[in-house]
């Protein structure tokens, strides 16, 4: 089974992964950001701080065009 690019996640799905699997508790409430463009940007940006190995353990990967920092995965 291949890894899912994080850019393919919906806001609610990404939020659940960040809070449930990665323990990020400092995000705004989901209902405040779910239907906002900036909410999607905020949620997806949180994956930047998670090492690629941990993302892979969760079945996720960074899409080539998404990694704005240009860091090596």
C-alpha atoms as a PDB file:
ATOM      1  CA  UNK A   1       0.000   0.000   0.000  1.00  0.00           C
ATOM      2  CA  UNK A   2       1.403   3.376  -0.996  1.00  0.00           C
ATOM      3  CA  UNK A   3       1.736   6.446   1.132  1.00  0.00           C
ATOM      4  CA  UNK A   4      -0.925   9.157   0.925  1.00  0.00           C
ATOM      5  CA  UNK A   5       0.336  12.670   0.085  1.00  0.00           C
ATOM      6  CA  UNK A   6      -0.750  15.031   2.853  1.00  0.00           C
ATOM      7  CA  UNK A   7      -2.100  17.482   0.274  1.00  0.00           C
ATOM      8  CA  UNK A   8      -4.788  14.911  -0.535  1.00  0.00           C
ATOM      9  CA  UNK A   9      -6.151  15.014   3.025  1.00  0.00           C
ATOM     10  CA  UNK A  10      -9.265  16.968   3.808  1.00  0.00           C
ATOM     11  CA  UNK A  11      -9.133  19.498   6.639  1.00  0.00           C
ATOM     12  CA  UNK A  12     -11.095  17.302   9.054  1.00  0.00           C
ATOM     13  CA  UNK A  13      -8.995  14.231   8.240  1.00  0.00           C
ATOM     14  CA  UNK A  14      -5.712  16.120   8.603  1.00  0.00           C
ATOM     15  CA  UNK A  15      -6.952  17.687  11.853  1.00  0.00           C
ATOM     16  CA  UNK A  16      -7.816  14.265  13.284  1.00  0.00           C
ATOM     17  CA  UNK A  17      -4.396  12.871  12.364  1.00  0.00           C
ATOM     18  CA  UNK A  18      -2.579  15.853  13.863  1.00  0.00           C
ATOM     19  CA  UNK A  19      -4.530  15.834  17.114  1.00  0.00           C
ATOM     20  CA  UNK A  20      -5.056  12.087  17.485  1.00  0.00           C
ATOM     21  CA  UNK A  21      -1.879  10.541  16.161  1.00  0.00           C
ATOM     22  CA  UNK A  22       0.641  13.345  16.624  1.00  0.00           C
ATOM     23  CA  UNK A  23      -0.819  14.911  19.782  1.00  0.00           C
ATOM     24  CA  UNK A  24      -0.987  18.497  18.542  1.00  0.00           C
ATOM     25  CA  UNK A  25      -3.354  20.212  20.949  1.00  0.00           C
ATOM     26  CA  UNK A  26      -2.755  23.859  20.091  1.00  0.00           C
ATOM     27  CA  UNK A  27      -4.869  23.992  16.920  1.00  0.00           C
ATOM     28  CA  UNK A  28      -8.032  26.123  16.822  1.00  0.00           C
ATOM     29  CA  UNK A  29     -11.302  24.157  17.068  1.00  0.00           C
ATOM     30  CA  UNK A  30     -12.076  22.244  13.887  1.00  0.00           C
ATOM     31  CA  UNK A  31     -15.410  23.996  13.339  1.00  0.00           C
ATOM     32  CA  UNK A  32     -13.591  27.361  13.286  1.00  0.00           C
ATOM     33  CA  UNK A  33     -11.204  26.371  10.491  1.00  0.00           C
ATOM     34  CA  UNK A  34     -12.822  23.564   8.510  1.00  0.00           C
ATOM     35  CA  UNK A  35     -14.409  25.733   5.819  1.00  0.00           C
ATOM     36  CA  UNK A  36     -11.718  28.398   5.600  1.00  0.00           C
ATOM     37  CA  UNK A  37      -8.872  28.478   3.064  1.00  0.00           C
ATOM     38  CA  UNK A  38      -6.487  29.674   5.764  1.00  0.00           C
ATOM     39  CA  UNK A  39      -7.637  26.762   7.933  1.00  0.00           C
ATOM     40  CA  UNK A  40      -6.472  24.244   5.364  1.00  0.00           C
ATOM     41  CA  UNK A  41      -3.163  26.077   5.009  1.00  0.00           C
ATOM     42  CA  UNK A  42      -2.729  26.125   8.786  1.00  0.00           C
ATOM     43  CA  UNK A  43      -3.484  22.442   9.225  1.00  0.00           C
ATOM     44  CA  UNK A  44      -1.262  21.316   6.346  1.00  0.00           C
ATOM     45  CA  UNK A  45       1.590  23.550   7.511  1.00  0.00           C
ATOM     46  CA  UNK A  46       1.672  21.647  10.803  1.00  0.00           C
ATOM     47  CA  UNK A  47       2.909  18.561   8.947  1.00  0.00           C
ATOM     48  CA  UNK A  48       6.146  20.435   8.093  1.00  0.00           C
ATOM     49  CA  UNK A  49       7.456  19.934  11.626  1.00  0.00           C
ATOM     50  CA  UNK A  50       6.839  16.183  11.617  1.00  0.00           C
ATOM     51  CA  UNK A  51       9.778  14.061  10.455  1.00  0.00           C
ATOM     52  CA  UNK A  52       9.235  12.095   7.236  1.00  0.00           C
ATOM     53  CA  UNK A  53       9.755   8.817   9.098  1.00  0.00           C
ATOM     54  CA  UNK A  54       6.871   9.568  11.468  1.00  0.00           C
ATOM     55  CA  UNK A  55       4.669  10.598   8.547  1.00  0.00           C
ATOM     56  CA  UNK A  56       5.469   7.317   6.802  1.00  0.00           C
ATOM     57  CA  UNK A  57       4.556   5.371   9.951  1.00  0.00           C
ATOM     58  CA  UNK A  58       1.147   7.061   9.711  1.00  0.00           C
ATOM     59  CA  UNK A  59       0.871   6.131   6.012  1.00  0.00           C
ATOM     60  CA  UNK A  60       1.557   9.688   4.834  1.00  0.00           C
ATOM     61  CA  UNK A  61       4.117  11.459   2.693  1.00  0.00           C
ATOM     62  CA  UNK A  62       4.816  15.015   1.585  1.00  0.00           C
ATOM     63  CA  UNK A  63       3.906  15.788  -2.012  1.00  0.00           C
ATOM     64  CA  UNK A  64       6.908  17.038  -4.007  1.00  0.00           C
ATOM     65  CA  UNK A  65       5.333  20.395  -4.797  1.00  0.00           C
ATOM     66  CA  UNK A  66       4.100  20.991  -1.269  1.00  0.00           C
ATOM     67  CA  UNK A  67       7.361  21.130   0.673  1.00  0.00           C
ATOM     68  CA  UNK A  68       7.850  24.892   0.388  1.00  0.00           C
ATOM     69  CA  UNK A  69      10.941  24.909   2.578  1.00  0.00           C
ATOM     70  CA  UNK A  70      12.737  22.677   0.118  1.00  0.00           C
ATOM     71  CA  UNK A  71      13.986  20.487   2.933  1.00  0.00           C
ATOM     72  CA  UNK A  72      15.008  16.931   2.278  1.00  0.00           C
ATOM     73  CA  UNK A  73      12.537  14.336   3.391  1.00  0.00           C
END
